[in-house]
PDB file of all heavy atoms in Angstrom:
ATOM      1  N   MET A   1      23.365  15.619 -12.225  1.00  0.00           N
ATOM      2  CA  MET A   1      23.406  14.173 -12.305  1.00  0.00           C
ATOM      3  C   MET A   1      24.846  13.668 -12.337  1.00  0.00           C
ATOM      4  O   MET A   1      25.709  14.270 -12.963  1.00  0.00           O
ATOM      5  CB  MET A   1      22.669  13.695 -13.557  1.00  0.00           C
ATOM      6  CG  MET A   1      22.543  12.196 -13.696  1.00  0.00           C
ATOM      7  SD  MET A   1      21.706  11.721 -15.230  1.00  0.00           S
ATOM      8  CE  MET A   1      20.045  12.322 -14.903  1.00  0.00           C
ATOM      9  N   PHE A   2      25.084  12.555 -11.644  1.00  0.00           N
ATOM     10  CA  PHE A   2      26.339  11.826 -11.731  1.00  0.00           C
ATOM     11  C   PHE A   2      26.054  10.458 -12.328  1.00  0.00           C
ATOM     12  O   PHE A   2      25.017   9.846 -12.054  1.00  0.00           O
ATOM     13  CB  PHE A   2      26.964  11.635 -10.345  1.00  0.00           C
ATOM     14  CG  PHE A   2      27.758  12.802  -9.854  1.00  0.00           C
ATOM     15  CD1 PHE A   2      27.132  13.875  -9.233  1.00  0.00           C
ATOM     16  CD2 PHE A   2      29.138  12.845 -10.008  1.00  0.00           C
ATOM     17  CE1 PHE A   2      27.857  14.957  -8.774  1.00  0.00           C
ATOM     18  CE2 PHE A   2      29.873  13.922  -9.550  1.00  0.00           C
ATOM     19  CZ  PHE A   2      29.237  14.982  -8.926  1.00  0.00           C
ATOM     20  N   LEU A   3      26.975   9.964 -13.131  1.00  0.00           N
ATOM     21  CA  LEU A   3      26.949   8.582 -13.583  1.00  0.00           C
ATOM     22  C   LEU A   3      28.153   7.900 -12.952  1.00  0.00           C
ATOM     23  O   LEU A   3      29.293   8.252 -13.240  1.00  0.00           O
ATOM     24  CB  LEU A   3      27.013   8.498 -15.107  1.00  0.00           C
ATOM     25  CG  LEU A   3      25.882   9.196 -15.869  1.00  0.00           C
ATOM     26  CD1 LEU A   3      26.025   8.959 -17.375  1.00  0.00           C
ATOM     27  CD2 LEU A   3      24.519   8.730 -15.389  1.00  0.00           C
ATOM     28  N   LEU A   4      27.885   6.943 -12.071  1.00  0.00           N
ATOM     29  CA  LEU A   4      28.948   6.267 -11.339  1.00  0.00           C
ATOM     30  C   LEU A   4      29.117   4.849 -11.851  1.00  0.00           C
ATOM     31  O   LEU A   4      28.159   4.208 -12.294  1.00  0.00           O
ATOM     32  CB  LEU A   4      28.626   6.232  -9.843  1.00  0.00           C
ATOM     33  CG  LEU A   4      28.409   7.578  -9.152  1.00  0.00           C
ATOM     34  CD1 LEU A   4      28.046   7.349  -7.684  1.00  0.00           C
ATOM     35  CD2 LEU A   4      29.642   8.462  -9.268  1.00  0.00           C
ATOM     36  N   ALA A   5      30.330   4.332 -11.765  1.00  0.00           N
ATOM     37  CA  ALA A   5      30.576   2.941 -12.117  1.00  0.00           C
ATOM     38  C   ALA A   5      29.805   2.030 -11.171  1.00  0.00           C
ATOM     39  O   ALA A   5      29.466   2.420 -10.050  1.00  0.00           O
ATOM     40  CB  ALA A   5      32.069   2.646 -12.043  1.00  0.00           C
ATOM     41  N   THR A   6      29.537   0.817 -11.601  1.00  0.00           N
ATOM     42  CA  THR A   6      28.829  -0.143 -10.758  1.00  0.00           C
ATOM     43  C   THR A   6      29.642  -0.511  -9.528  1.00  0.00           C
ATOM     44  O   THR A   6      29.104  -0.697  -8.440  1.00  0.00           O
ATOM     45  CB  THR A   6      28.506  -1.407 -11.573  1.00  0.00           C
ATOM     46  OG1 THR A   6      27.599  -1.056 -12.628  1.00  0.00           O
ATOM     47  CG2 THR A   6      27.870  -2.476 -10.707  1.00  0.00           C
ATOM     48  N   SER A   7      30.961  -0.591  -9.702  1.00  0.00           N
ATOM     49  CA  SER A   7      31.866  -0.888  -8.592  1.00  0.00           C
ATOM     50  C   SER A   7      33.214  -0.263  -8.892  1.00  0.00           C
ATOM     51  O   SER A   7      33.479   0.167 -10.023  1.00  0.00           O
ATOM     52  CB  SER A   7      32.014  -2.403  -8.388  1.00  0.00           C
ATOM     53  OG  SER A   7      32.539  -3.009  -9.560  1.00  0.00           O
ATOM     54  N   THR A   8      34.066  -0.197  -7.884  1.00  0.00           N
ATOM     55  CA  THR A   8      35.391   0.391  -8.055  1.00  0.00           C
ATOM     56  C   THR A   8      36.454  -0.698  -8.112  1.00  0.00           C
ATOM     57  O   THR A   8      36.207  -1.849  -7.744  1.00  0.00           O
ATOM     58  CB  THR A   8      35.738   1.338  -6.892  1.00  0.00           C
ATOM     59  OG1 THR A   8      36.010   0.553  -5.717  1.00  0.00           O
ATOM     60  CG2 THR A   8      34.587   2.291  -6.600  1.00  0.00           C
ATOM     61  N   LYS A   9      37.639  -0.338  -8.544  1.00  0.00           N
ATOM     62  CA  LYS A   9      38.729  -1.304  -8.644  1.00  0.00           C
ATOM     63  C   LYS A   9      39.116  -1.878  -7.288  1.00  0.00           C
ATOM     64  O   LYS A   9      39.598  -3.006  -7.185  1.00  0.00           O
ATOM     65  CB  LYS A   9      39.949  -0.652  -9.304  1.00  0.00           C
ATOM     66  CG  LYS A   9      39.770  -0.414 -10.793  1.00  0.00           C
ATOM     67  CD  LYS A   9      41.041   0.126 -11.430  1.00  0.00           C
ATOM     68  CE  LYS A   9      40.857   0.275 -12.942  1.00  0.00           C
ATOM     69  NZ  LYS A   9      42.068   0.813 -13.609  1.00  0.00           N
ATOM     70  N   SER A  10      38.901  -1.120  -6.230  1.00  0.00           N
ATOM     71  CA  SER A  10      39.238  -1.588  -4.886  1.00  0.00           C
ATOM     72  C   SER A  10      38.161  -2.494  -4.303  1.00  0.00           C
ATOM     73  O   SER A  10      38.370  -3.110  -3.255  1.00  0.00           O
ATOM     74  CB  SER A  10      39.471  -0.394  -3.956  1.00  0.00           C
ATOM     75  OG  SER A  10      38.275   0.342  -3.790  1.00  0.00           O
ATOM     76  N   GLY A  11      36.997  -2.546  -4.947  1.00  0.00           N
ATOM     77  CA  GLY A  11      35.946  -3.437  -4.476  1.00  0.00           C
ATOM     78  C   GLY A  11      34.750  -2.774  -3.825  1.00  0.00           C
ATOM     79  O   GLY A  11      33.904  -3.460  -3.245  1.00  0.00           O
ATOM     80  N   ILE A  12      34.636  -1.457  -3.907  1.00  0.00           N
ATOM     81  CA  ILE A  12      33.458  -0.780  -3.363  1.00  0.00           C
ATOM     82  C   ILE A  12      32.277  -1.067  -4.280  1.00  0.00           C
ATOM     83  O   ILE A  12      32.321  -0.764  -5.477  1.00  0.00           O
ATOM     84  CB  ILE A  12      33.682   0.741  -3.261  1.00  0.00           C
ATOM     85  CG1 ILE A  12      34.871   1.045  -2.347  1.00  0.00           C
ATOM     86  CG2 ILE A  12      32.422   1.434  -2.731  1.00  0.00           C
ATOM     87  CD1 ILE A  12      35.281   2.511  -2.352  1.00  0.00           C
ATOM     88  N   GLN A  13      31.222  -1.654  -3.726  1.00  0.00           N
ATOM     89  CA  GLN A  13      30.048  -2.037  -4.517  1.00  0.00           C
ATOM     90  C   GLN A  13      29.052  -0.867  -4.549  1.00  0.00           C
ATOM     91  O   GLN A  13      28.114  -0.789  -3.758  1.00  0.00           O
ATOM     92  CB  GLN A  13      29.410  -3.287  -3.927  1.00  0.00           C
ATOM     93  CG  GLN A  13      30.324  -4.495  -3.915  1.00  0.00           C
ATOM     94  CD  GLN A  13      30.804  -4.871  -5.309  1.00  0.00           C
ATOM     95  OE1 GLN A  13      30.013  -4.928  -6.259  1.00  0.00           O
ATOM     96  NE2 GLN A  13      32.103  -5.128  -5.442  1.00  0.00           N
ATOM     97  N   ILE A  14      29.265   0.033  -5.478  1.00  0.00           N
ATOM     98  CA  ILE A  14      28.463   1.248  -5.552  1.00  0.00           C
ATOM     99  C   ILE A  14      26.986   0.927  -5.777  1.00  0.00           C
ATOM    100  O   ILE A  14      26.113   1.415  -5.056  1.00  0.00           O
ATOM    101  CB  ILE A  14      28.985   2.176  -6.663  1.00  0.00           C
ATOM    102  CG1 ILE A  14      30.448   2.556  -6.395  1.00  0.00           C
ATOM    103  CG2 ILE A  14      28.118   3.430  -6.760  1.00  0.00           C
ATOM    104  CD1 ILE A  14      31.083   3.357  -7.526  1.00  0.00           C
ATOM    105  N   ARG A  15      26.712   0.121  -6.799  1.00  0.00           N
ATOM    106  CA  ARG A  15      25.308  -0.177  -7.107  1.00  0.00           C
ATOM    107  C   ARG A  15      24.614  -0.869  -5.945  1.00  0.00           C
ATOM    108  O   ARG A  15      23.453  -0.573  -5.633  1.00  0.00           O
ATOM    109  CB  ARG A  15      25.191  -1.026  -8.378  1.00  0.00           C
ATOM    110  CG  ARG A  15      23.765  -1.499  -8.638  1.00  0.00           C
ATOM    111  CD  ARG A  15      23.563  -2.069 -10.006  1.00  0.00           C
ATOM    112  NE  ARG A  15      23.540  -1.038 -11.041  1.00  0.00           N
ATOM    113  CZ  ARG A  15      22.491  -0.277 -11.306  1.00  0.00           C
ATOM    114  NH1 ARG A  15      21.358  -0.423 -10.608  1.00  0.00           N
ATOM    115  NH2 ARG A  15      22.526   0.631 -12.264  1.00  0.00           N
ATOM    116  N   ARG A  16      25.273  -1.795  -5.285  1.00  0.00           N
ATOM    117  CA  ARG A  16      24.647  -2.517  -4.178  1.00  0.00           C
ATOM    118  C   ARG A  16      24.118  -1.552  -3.128  1.00  0.00           C
ATOM    119  O   ARG A  16      22.977  -1.675  -2.672  1.00  0.00           O
ATOM    120  CB  ARG A  16      25.647  -3.481  -3.538  1.00  0.00           C
ATOM    121  CG  ARG A  16      25.096  -4.197  -2.308  1.00  0.00           C
ATOM    122  CD  ARG A  16      26.202  -4.955  -1.579  1.00  0.00           C
ATOM    123  NE  ARG A  16      26.792  -5.973  -2.434  1.00  0.00           N
ATOM    124  CZ  ARG A  16      27.874  -6.679  -2.083  1.00  0.00           C
ATOM    125  NH1 ARG A  16      28.486  -6.430  -0.934  1.00  0.00           N
ATOM    126  NH2 ARG A  16      28.351  -7.602  -2.894  1.00  0.00           N
ATOM    127  N   TRP A  17      24.925  -0.563  -2.754  1.00  0.00           N
ATOM    128  CA  TRP A  17      24.524   0.345  -1.683  1.00  0.00           C
ATOM    129  C   TRP A  17      23.463   1.331  -2.151  1.00  0.00           C
ATOM    130  O   TRP A  17      22.532   1.667  -1.403  1.00  0.00           O
ATOM    131  CB  TRP A  17      25.740   1.059  -1.115  1.00  0.00           C
ATOM    132  CG  TRP A  17      26.499   0.165  -0.203  1.00  0.00           C
ATOM    133  CD1 TRP A  17      27.620  -0.558  -0.489  1.00  0.00           C
ATOM    134  CD2 TRP A  17      26.151  -0.167   1.149  1.00  0.00           C
ATOM    135  NE1 TRP A  17      27.998  -1.309   0.602  1.00  0.00           N
ATOM    136  CE2 TRP A  17      27.117  -1.091   1.623  1.00  0.00           C
ATOM    137  CE3 TRP A  17      25.132   0.231   2.006  1.00  0.00           C
ATOM    138  CZ2 TRP A  17      27.084  -1.608   2.913  1.00  0.00           C
ATOM    139  CZ3 TRP A  17      25.094  -0.284   3.293  1.00  0.00           C
ATOM    140  CH2 TRP A  17      26.066  -1.192   3.735  1.00  0.00           C
ATOM    141  N   ILE A  18      23.554   1.782  -3.398  1.00  0.00           N
ATOM    142  CA  ILE A  18      22.548   2.711  -3.893  1.00  0.00           C
ATOM    143  C   ILE A  18      21.220   1.985  -4.109  1.00  0.00           C
ATOM    144  O   ILE A  18      20.144   2.551  -3.866  1.00  0.00           O
ATOM    145  CB  ILE A  18      23.034   3.409  -5.178  1.00  0.00           C
ATOM    146  CG1 ILE A  18      24.252   4.293  -4.843  1.00  0.00           C
ATOM    147  CG2 ILE A  18      21.931   4.259  -5.794  1.00  0.00           C
ATOM    148  CD1 ILE A  18      24.823   5.047  -6.030  1.00  0.00           C
ATOM    149  N   GLU A  19      21.257   0.734  -4.534  1.00  0.00           N
ATOM    150  CA  GLU A  19      20.018  -0.042  -4.657  1.00  0.00           C
ATOM    151  C   GLU A  19      19.373  -0.265  -3.293  1.00  0.00           C
ATOM    152  O   GLU A  19      18.147  -0.232  -3.171  1.00  0.00           O
ATOM    153  CB  GLU A  19      20.306  -1.387  -5.327  1.00  0.00           C
ATOM    154  CG  GLU A  19      20.478  -1.279  -6.837  1.00  0.00           C
ATOM    155  CD  GLU A  19      20.586  -2.639  -7.500  1.00  0.00           C
ATOM    156  OE1 GLU A  19      20.811  -3.649  -6.787  1.00  0.00           O
ATOM    157  OE2 GLU A  19      20.453  -2.695  -8.736  1.00  0.00           O
ATOM    158  N   ARG A  20      20.175  -0.491  -2.278  1.00  0.00           N
ATOM    159  CA  ARG A  20      19.623  -0.648  -0.934  1.00  0.00           C
ATOM    160  C   ARG A  20      18.909   0.633  -0.503  1.00  0.00           C
ATOM    161  O   ARG A  20      17.825   0.582   0.095  1.00  0.00           O
ATOM    162  CB  ARG A  20      20.740  -0.988   0.057  1.00  0.00           C
ATOM    163  CG  ARG A  20      21.171  -2.444   0.025  1.00  0.00           C
ATOM    164  CD  ARG A  20      22.387  -2.667   0.885  1.00  0.00           C
ATOM    165  NE  ARG A  20      22.697  -4.095   0.988  1.00  0.00           N
ATOM    166  CZ  ARG A  20      23.858  -4.584   1.393  1.00  0.00           C
ATOM    167  NH1 ARG A  20      24.842  -3.749   1.734  1.00  0.00           N
ATOM    168  NH2 ARG A  20      24.046  -5.882   1.458  1.00  0.00           N
ATOM    169  N   LEU A  21      19.509   1.768  -0.808  1.00  0.00           N
ATOM    170  CA  LEU A  21      18.879   3.045  -0.479  1.00  0.00           C
ATOM    171  C   LEU A  21      17.566   3.194  -1.234  1.00  0.00           C
ATOM    172  O   LEU A  21      16.537   3.584  -0.659  1.00  0.00           O
ATOM    173  CB  LEU A  21      19.824   4.198  -0.808  1.00  0.00           C
ATOM    174  CG  LEU A  21      19.265   5.611  -0.633  1.00  0.00           C
ATOM    175  CD1 LEU A  21      18.894   5.878   0.815  1.00  0.00           C
ATOM    176  CD2 LEU A  21      20.274   6.650  -1.131  1.00  0.00           C
ATOM    177  N   SER A  22      17.577   2.892  -2.526  1.00  0.00           N
ATOM    178  CA  SER A  22      16.368   2.986  -3.338  1.00  0.00           C
ATOM    179  C   SER A  22      15.271   2.064  -2.806  1.00  0.00           C
ATOM    180  O   SER A  22      14.107   2.474  -2.688  1.00  0.00           O
ATOM    181  CB  SER A  22      16.693   2.619  -4.793  1.00  0.00           C
ATOM    182  OG  SER A  22      15.530   2.590  -5.577  1.00  0.00           O
ATOM    183  N   ASN A  23      15.626   0.842  -2.465  1.00  0.00           N
ATOM    184  CA  ASN A  23      14.632  -0.108  -1.934  1.00  0.00           C
ATOM    185  C   ASN A  23      14.031   0.395  -0.625  1.00  0.00           C
ATOM    186  O   ASN A  23      12.833   0.231  -0.371  1.00  0.00           O
ATOM    187  CB  ASN A  23      15.276  -1.477  -1.726  1.00  0.00           C
ATOM    188  CG  ASN A  23      15.612  -2.165  -3.033  1.00  0.00           C
ATOM    189  OD1 ASN A  23      15.037  -1.861  -4.074  1.00  0.00           O
ATOM    190  ND2 ASN A  23      16.564  -3.087  -2.996  1.00  0.00           N
ATOM    191  N   LEU A  24      14.866   1.010   0.207  1.00  0.00           N
ATOM    192  CA  LEU A  24      14.377   1.574   1.465  1.00  0.00           C
ATOM    193  C   LEU A  24      13.367   2.691   1.200  1.00  0.00           C
ATOM    194  O   LEU A  24      12.294   2.741   1.820  1.00  0.00           O
ATOM    195  CB  LEU A  24      15.553   2.115   2.283  1.00  0.00           C
ATOM    196  CG  LEU A  24      15.201   2.883   3.564  1.00  0.00           C
ATOM    197  CD1 LEU A  24      14.562   1.954   4.583  1.00  0.00           C
ATOM    198  CD2 LEU A  24      16.447   3.545   4.161  1.00  0.00           C
ATOM    199  N   LEU A  25      13.695   3.561   0.265  1.00  0.00           N
ATOM    200  CA  LEU A  25      12.808   4.684  -0.062  1.00  0.00           C
ATOM    201  C   LEU A  25      11.481   4.185  -0.625  1.00  0.00           C
ATOM    202  O   LEU A  25      10.416   4.719  -0.295  1.00  0.00           O
ATOM    203  CB  LEU A  25      13.495   5.610  -1.063  1.00  0.00           C
ATOM    204  CG  LEU A  25      14.727   6.360  -0.543  1.00  0.00           C
ATOM    205  CD1 LEU A  25      15.469   7.020  -1.694  1.00  0.00           C
ATOM    206  CD2 LEU A  25      14.344   7.386   0.510  1.00  0.00           C
ATOM    207  N   ILE A  26      11.541   3.158  -1.453  1.00  0.00           N
ATOM    208  CA  ILE A  26      10.310   2.606  -2.029  1.00  0.00           C
ATOM    209  C   ILE A  26       9.471   1.954  -0.936  1.00  0.00           C
ATOM    210  O   ILE A  26       8.241   2.134  -0.890  1.00  0.00           O
ATOM    211  CB  ILE A  26      10.648   1.592  -3.132  1.00  0.00           C
ATOM    212  CG1 ILE A  26      11.257   2.314  -4.336  1.00  0.00           C
ATOM    213  CG2 ILE A  26       9.406   0.816  -3.557  1.00  0.00           C
ATOM    214  CD1 ILE A  26      11.803   1.407  -5.408  1.00  0.00           C
ATOM    215  N   THR A  27      10.108   1.226  -0.037  1.00  0.00           N
ATOM    216  CA  THR A  27       9.389   0.588   1.064  1.00  0.00           C
ATOM    217  C   THR A  27       8.670   1.622   1.926  1.00  0.00           C
ATOM    218  O   THR A  27       7.551   1.385   2.407  1.00  0.00           O
ATOM    219  CB  THR A  27      10.365  -0.223   1.945  1.00  0.00           C
ATOM    220  OG1 THR A  27      10.961  -1.252   1.154  1.00  0.00           O
ATOM    221  CG2 THR A  27       9.648  -0.852   3.132  1.00  0.00           C
ATOM    222  N   GLU A  28       9.287   2.778   2.093  1.00  0.00           N
ATOM    223  CA  GLU A  28       8.705   3.831   2.919  1.00  0.00           C
ATOM    224  C   GLU A  28       7.830   4.800   2.108  1.00  0.00           C
ATOM    225  O   GLU A  28       7.388   5.826   2.632  1.00  0.00           O
ATOM    226  CB  GLU A  28       9.821   4.612   3.617  1.00  0.00           C
ATOM    227  CG  GLU A  28      10.624   3.754   4.598  1.00  0.00           C
ATOM    228  CD  GLU A  28      11.728   4.526   5.317  1.00  0.00           C
ATOM    229  OE1 GLU A  28      12.040   5.660   4.896  1.00  0.00           O
ATOM    230  OE2 GLU A  28      12.275   3.991   6.298  1.00  0.00           O
ATOM    231  N   ASN A  29       7.592   4.475   0.841  1.00  0.00           N
ATOM    232  CA  ASN A  29       6.760   5.309  -0.033  1.00  0.00           C
ATOM    233  C   ASN A  29       7.298   6.727  -0.188  1.00  0.00           C
ATOM    234  O   ASN A  29       6.523   7.685  -0.302  1.00  0.00           O
ATOM    235  CB  ASN A  29       5.312   5.355   0.462  1.00  0.00           C
ATOM    236  CG  ASN A  29       4.541   4.101   0.116  1.00  0.00           C
ATOM    237  OD1 ASN A  29       4.693   3.550  -0.976  1.00  0.00           O
ATOM    238  ND2 ASN A  29       3.727   3.640   1.047  1.00  0.00           N
ATOM    239  N   ARG A  30       8.590   6.862  -0.208  1.00  0.00           N
ATOM    240  CA  ARG A  30       9.200   8.184  -0.368  1.00  0.00           C
ATOM    241  C   ARG A  30       9.621   8.428  -1.822  1.00  0.00           C
ATOM    242  O   ARG A  30      10.270   9.428  -2.121  1.00  0.00           O
ATOM    243  CB  ARG A  30      10.390   8.333   0.565  1.00  0.00           C
ATOM    244  CG  ARG A  30      10.025   8.052   2.012  1.00  0.00           C
ATOM    245  CD  ARG A  30      11.002   8.663   2.991  1.00  0.00           C
ATOM    246  NE  ARG A  30      10.725   8.213   4.353  1.00  0.00           N
ATOM    247  CZ  ARG A  30       9.766   8.684   5.125  1.00  0.00           C
ATOM    248  NH1 ARG A  30       8.966   9.637   4.667  1.00  0.00           N
ATOM    249  NH2 ARG A  30       9.576   8.215   6.347  1.00  0.00           N
ATOM    250  N   HIS A  31       9.253   7.499  -2.703  1.00  0.00           N
ATOM    251  CA  HIS A  31       9.616   7.605  -4.110  1.00  0.00           C
ATOM    252  C   HIS A  31       8.530   8.251  -4.950  1.00  0.00           C
ATOM    253  O   HIS A  31       8.722   8.493  -6.139  1.00  0.00           O
ATOM    254  CB  HIS A  31       9.897   6.207  -4.673  1.00  0.00           C
ATOM    255  CG  HIS A  31       8.713   5.297  -4.661  1.00  0.00           C
ATOM    256  ND1 HIS A  31       8.063   4.940  -3.490  1.00  0.00           N
ATOM    257  CD2 HIS A  31       8.036   4.678  -5.677  1.00  0.00           C
ATOM    258  CE1 HIS A  31       7.062   4.143  -3.788  1.00  0.00           C
ATOM    259  NE2 HIS A  31       7.022   3.966  -5.104  1.00  0.00           N
ATOM    260  N   ARG A  32       7.399   8.562  -4.351  1.00  0.00           N
ATOM    261  CA  ARG A  32       6.255   9.058  -5.116  1.00  0.00           C
ATOM    262  C   ARG A  32       6.285  10.566  -5.340  1.00  0.00           C
ATOM    263  O   ARG A  32       5.558  11.083  -6.182  1.00  0.00           O
ATOM    264  CB  ARG A  32       4.951   8.668  -4.411  1.00  0.00           C
ATOM    265  CG  ARG A  32       4.778   7.158  -4.279  1.00  0.00           C
ATOM    266  CD  ARG A  32       3.455   6.811  -3.629  1.00  0.00           C
ATOM    267  NE  ARG A  32       3.297   5.373  -3.454  1.00  0.00           N
ATOM    268  CZ  ARG A  32       2.889   4.546  -4.407  1.00  0.00           C
ATOM    269  NH1 ARG A  32       2.609   5.016  -5.607  1.00  0.00           N
ATOM    270  NH2 ARG A  32       2.778   3.255  -4.172  1.00  0.00           N
ATOM    271  N   ARG A  33       7.100  11.270  -4.590  1.00  0.00           N
ATOM    272  CA  ARG A  33       7.178  12.723  -4.750  1.00  0.00           C
ATOM    273  C   ARG A  33       8.615  13.175  -4.507  1.00  0.00           C
ATOM    274  O   ARG A  33       9.397  12.484  -3.857  1.00  0.00           O
ATOM    275  CB  ARG A  33       6.235  13.425  -3.775  1.00  0.00           C
ATOM    276  CG  ARG A  33       6.470  13.070  -2.327  1.00  0.00           C
ATOM    277  CD  ARG A  33       5.391  13.647  -1.422  1.00  0.00           C
ATOM    278  NE  ARG A  33       5.350  15.095  -1.492  1.00  0.00           N
ATOM    279  CZ  ARG A  33       4.493  15.832  -0.811  1.00  0.00           C
ATOM    280  NH1 ARG A  33       3.586  15.251  -0.029  1.00  0.00           N
ATOM    281  NH2 ARG A  33       4.515  17.146  -0.895  1.00  0.00           N
ATOM    282  N   ALA A  34       8.943  14.339  -5.040  1.00  0.00           N
ATOM    283  CA  ALA A  34      10.305  14.857  -4.898  1.00  0.00           C
ATOM    284  C   ALA A  34      10.642  15.110  -3.435  1.00  0.00           C
ATOM    285  O   ALA A  34       9.809  15.599  -2.672  1.00  0.00           O
ATOM    286  CB  ALA A  34      10.451  16.149  -5.692  1.00  0.00           C
ATOM    287  N   GLY A  35      11.847  14.762  -3.048  1.00  0.00           N
ATOM    288  CA  GLY A  35      12.295  14.958  -1.678  1.00  0.00           C
ATOM    289  C   GLY A  35      13.685  14.393  -1.492  1.00  0.00           C
ATOM    290  O   GLY A  35      14.248  13.780  -2.401  1.00  0.00           O
ATOM    291  N   PRO A  36      14.274  14.589  -0.333  1.00  0.00           N
ATOM    292  CA  PRO A  36      15.641  14.117  -0.090  1.00  0.00           C
ATOM    293  C   PRO A  36      15.714  12.604   0.039  1.00  0.00           C
ATOM    294  O   PRO A  36      14.947  11.997   0.777  1.00  0.00           O
ATOM    295  CB  PRO A  36      16.019  14.809   1.230  1.00  0.00           C
ATOM    296  CG  PRO A  36      14.706  15.013   1.926  1.00  0.00           C
ATOM    297  CD  PRO A  36      13.705  15.288   0.844  1.00  0.00           C
ATOM    298  N   ALA A  37      16.648  11.995  -0.677  1.00  0.00           N
ATOM    299  CA  ALA A  37      16.851  10.552  -0.550  1.00  0.00           C
ATOM    300  C   ALA A  37      17.432  10.209   0.812  1.00  0.00           C
ATOM    301  O   ALA A  37      17.105   9.170   1.401  1.00  0.00           O
ATOM    302  CB  ALA A  37      17.776  10.060  -1.661  1.00  0.00           C
ATOM    303  N   PHE A  38      18.286  11.083   1.318  1.00  0.00           N
ATOM    304  CA  PHE A  38      18.862  10.864   2.641  1.00  0.00           C
ATOM    305  C   PHE A  38      18.003  11.605   3.658  1.00  0.00           C
ATOM    306  O   PHE A  38      18.189  12.800   3.924  1.00  0.00           O
ATOM    307  CB  PHE A  38      20.327  11.313   2.680  1.00  0.00           C
ATOM    308  CG  PHE A  38      21.212  10.422   1.868  1.00  0.00           C
ATOM    309  CD1 PHE A  38      21.611  10.784   0.592  1.00  0.00           C
ATOM    310  CD2 PHE A  38      21.606   9.187   2.365  1.00  0.00           C
ATOM    311  CE1 PHE A  38      22.398   9.938  -0.172  1.00  0.00           C
ATOM    312  CE2 PHE A  38      22.393   8.331   1.613  1.00  0.00           C
ATOM    313  CZ  PHE A  38      22.787   8.704   0.340  1.00  0.00           C
ATOM    314  N   CYS A  39      17.043  10.879   4.174  1.00  0.00           N
ATOM    315  CA  CYS A  39      16.059  11.478   5.072  1.00  0.00           C
ATOM    316  C   CYS A  39      15.942  10.649   6.349  1.00  0.00           C
ATOM    317  O   CYS A  39      16.339   9.482   6.390  1.00  0.00           O
ATOM    318  CB  CYS A  39      14.696  11.559   4.391  1.00  0.00           C
ATOM    319  SG  CYS A  39      14.059   9.960   3.810  1.00  0.00           S
ATOM    320  N   ASP A  40      15.379  11.267   7.376  1.00  0.00           N
ATOM    321  CA  ASP A  40      15.163  10.543   8.622  1.00  0.00           C
ATOM    322  C   ASP A  40      13.854   9.758   8.545  1.00  0.00           C
ATOM    323  O   ASP A  40      13.215   9.694   7.493  1.00  0.00           O
ATOM    324  CB  ASP A  40      15.178  11.497   9.825  1.00  0.00           C
ATOM    325  CG  ASP A  40      14.058  12.544   9.772  1.00  0.00           C
ATOM    326  OD1 ASP A  40      13.073  12.349   9.015  1.00  0.00           O
ATOM    327  OD2 ASP A  40      14.158  13.545  10.505  1.00  0.00           O
ATOM    328  N   GLU A  41      13.448   9.195   9.657  1.00  0.00           N
ATOM    329  CA  GLU A  41      12.257   8.346   9.688  1.00  0.00           C
ATOM    330  C   GLU A  41      10.977   9.093   9.344  1.00  0.00           C
ATOM    331  O   GLU A  41       9.981   8.495   8.931  1.00  0.00           O
ATOM    332  CB  GLU A  41      12.122   7.704  11.073  1.00  0.00           C
ATOM    333  CG  GLU A  41      13.277   6.769  11.452  1.00  0.00           C
ATOM    334  CD  GLU A  41      14.471   7.508  12.048  1.00  0.00           C
ATOM    335  OE1 GLU A  41      14.536   8.762  11.919  1.00  0.00           O
ATOM    336  OE2 GLU A  41      15.346   6.859  12.634  1.00  0.00           O
ATOM    337  N   LEU A  42      10.995  10.417   9.484  1.00  0.00           N
ATOM    338  CA  LEU A  42       9.822  11.237   9.185  1.00  0.00           C
ATOM    339  C   LEU A  42       9.873  11.848   7.787  1.00  0.00           C
ATOM    340  O   LEU A  42       8.961  12.552   7.386  1.00  0.00           O
ATOM    341  CB  LEU A  42       9.677  12.345  10.236  1.00  0.00           C
ATOM    342  CG  LEU A  42       9.465  11.868  11.678  1.00  0.00           C
ATOM    343  CD1 LEU A  42       9.421  13.066  12.622  1.00  0.00           C
ATOM    344  CD2 LEU A  42       8.188  11.046  11.803  1.00  0.00           C
TER     345      LEU A  42
END
């Protein structure tokens, strides 16, 4: 596990991008079982 800051001093919005990934996975029902978060359409 990593614990990352919400954003960086230079302005990288870490949480924004990780939340977008999470929302995508939930929309595709890929959150119900263990598997790679970075996955293709299948």
